Amino acid sequence: MPDYPQFLHTVLDTTDVRGLAEEPLYVHADPAGHPFCIFVA
């Protein structure tokens, strides 16, 4: 374990859980091939 905190997860907080779960989610890759997600409102 490192001696400093690490972010292991990202949490999105919302009052409209159903709406967030049904908004489009796109998964892309950066030029090095690492995936990242975009939530479209």
N, C-alpha and C. Protein backbone atom coordinates (compact mmCIF):
# COMPACT_ATOMS: atom_id res chain seq x y z
N MET A 1 0.84 -1.19 0.00
CA MET A 1 0.00 0.00 0.00
C MET A 1 0.88 1.25 0.00
N PRO A 2 0.49 2.25 -0.79
CA PRO A 2 1.26 3.50 -0.80
C PRO A 2 1.02 4.29 0.48
N ASP A 3 1.89 5.23 0.75
CA ASP A 3 1.76 6.07 1.94
C ASP A 3 0.89 7.30 1.70
N TYR A 4 0.20 7.34 0.59
CA TYR A 4 -0.65 8.49 0.27
C TYR A 4 -1.98 7.97 -0.27
N PRO A 5 -3.06 8.77 -0.15
CA PRO A 5 -4.38 8.32 -0.64
C PRO A 5 -4.39 8.18 -2.16
N GLN A 6 -5.20 7.26 -2.65
CA GLN A 6 -5.38 7.08 -4.08
C GLN A 6 -6.86 7.07 -4.39
N PHE A 7 -7.23 7.61 -5.55
CA PHE A 7 -8.60 7.49 -6.03
C PHE A 7 -8.74 6.13 -6.70
N LEU A 8 -9.65 5.32 -6.20
CA LEU A 8 -9.87 4.01 -6.79
C LEU A 8 -11.16 3.96 -7.59
N HIS A 9 -12.12 4.82 -7.23
CA HIS A 9 -13.42 4.83 -7.89
C HIS A 9 -13.90 6.27 -8.01
N THR A 10 -14.71 6.52 -9.00
CA THR A 10 -15.37 7.81 -9.15
C THR A 10 -16.85 7.61 -8.88
N VAL A 11 -17.42 8.44 -8.04
CA VAL A 11 -18.83 8.33 -7.69
C VAL A 11 -19.55 9.58 -8.16
N LEU A 12 -20.63 9.40 -8.89
CA LEU A 12 -21.47 10.52 -9.32
C LEU A 12 -22.70 10.54 -8.43
N ASP A 13 -22.94 11.67 -7.79
CA ASP A 13 -24.09 11.80 -6.89
C ASP A 13 -25.19 12.56 -7.61
N THR A 14 -26.40 12.07 -7.50
CA THR A 14 -27.52 12.70 -8.18
C THR A 14 -28.82 12.43 -7.43
N THR A 15 -29.79 13.31 -7.60
CA THR A 15 -31.12 13.06 -7.05
C THR A 15 -31.98 12.29 -8.04
N ASP A 16 -31.52 12.18 -9.29
CA ASP A 16 -32.26 11.47 -10.33
C ASP A 16 -31.45 10.26 -10.79
N VAL A 17 -31.43 9.23 -9.97
CA VAL A 17 -30.63 8.05 -10.26
C VAL A 17 -31.09 7.37 -11.54
N ARG A 18 -32.38 7.21 -11.71
CA ARG A 18 -32.92 6.54 -12.90
C ARG A 18 -32.54 7.31 -14.17
N GLY A 19 -32.68 8.63 -14.13
CA GLY A 19 -32.33 9.44 -15.29
C GLY A 19 -30.87 9.34 -15.66
N LEU A 20 -29.99 9.31 -14.63
CA LEU A 20 -28.57 9.19 -14.90
C LEU A 20 -28.24 7.82 -15.47
N ALA A 21 -28.91 6.81 -14.99
CA ALA A 21 -28.66 5.44 -15.45
C ALA A 21 -29.13 5.23 -16.89
N GLU A 22 -30.13 6.09 -17.37
CA GLU A 22 -30.67 5.89 -18.71
C GLU A 22 -30.04 6.85 -19.72
N GLU A 23 -29.18 7.97 -19.20
CA GLU A 23 -28.54 8.87 -20.13
C GLU A 23 -27.50 8.11 -20.91
N PRO A 24 -27.29 8.53 -22.28
CA PRO A 24 -26.30 7.80 -23.08
C PRO A 24 -24.91 7.84 -22.44
N LEU A 25 -24.19 6.73 -22.56
CA LEU A 25 -22.81 6.60 -22.08
C LEU A 25 -21.95 6.14 -23.25
N TYR A 26 -20.93 6.92 -23.55
CA TYR A 26 -20.03 6.57 -24.64
C TYR A 26 -18.65 6.24 -24.08
N VAL A 27 -18.08 5.17 -24.53
CA VAL A 27 -16.74 4.78 -24.13
C VAL A 27 -15.80 5.02 -25.31
N HIS A 28 -14.79 5.83 -25.08
CA HIS A 28 -13.81 6.17 -26.11
C HIS A 28 -12.43 5.76 -25.62
N ALA A 29 -11.45 5.89 -26.46
CA ALA A 29 -10.07 5.61 -26.08
C ALA A 29 -9.21 6.81 -26.47
N ASP A 30 -8.27 7.13 -25.59
CA ASP A 30 -7.34 8.22 -25.90
C ASP A 30 -6.30 7.70 -26.91
N PRO A 31 -5.42 8.55 -27.41
CA PRO A 31 -4.45 8.11 -28.42
C PRO A 31 -3.56 6.94 -27.97
N ALA A 32 -3.37 6.80 -26.67
CA ALA A 32 -2.55 5.69 -26.16
C ALA A 32 -3.38 4.42 -25.97
N GLY A 33 -4.71 4.50 -26.19
CA GLY A 33 -5.56 3.33 -26.07
C GLY A 33 -6.23 3.16 -24.72
N HIS A 34 -6.08 4.14 -23.81
CA HIS A 34 -6.72 4.05 -22.51
C HIS A 34 -8.20 4.44 -22.63
N PRO A 35 -9.12 3.62 -22.10
CA PRO A 35 -10.54 3.93 -22.23
C PRO A 35 -10.97 5.04 -21.24
N PHE A 36 -11.97 5.80 -21.67
CA PHE A 36 -12.61 6.77 -20.79
C PHE A 36 -14.07 6.88 -21.20
N CYS A 37 -14.93 7.30 -20.27
CA CYS A 37 -16.38 7.36 -20.52
C CYS A 37 -16.84 8.81 -20.59
N ILE A 38 -17.84 9.04 -21.42
CA ILE A 38 -18.49 10.35 -21.52
C ILE A 38 -19.98 10.13 -21.29
N PHE A 39 -20.53 10.83 -20.31
CA PHE A 39 -21.98 10.82 -20.07
C PHE A 39 -22.58 12.00 -20.82
N VAL A 40 -23.60 11.74 -21.63
CA VAL A 40 -24.24 12.78 -22.42
C VAL A 40 -25.56 13.14 -21.79
N ALA A 41 -25.74 14.42 -21.46
CA ALA A 41 -26.99 14.86 -20.84
C ALA A 41 -27.95 15.34 -21.89
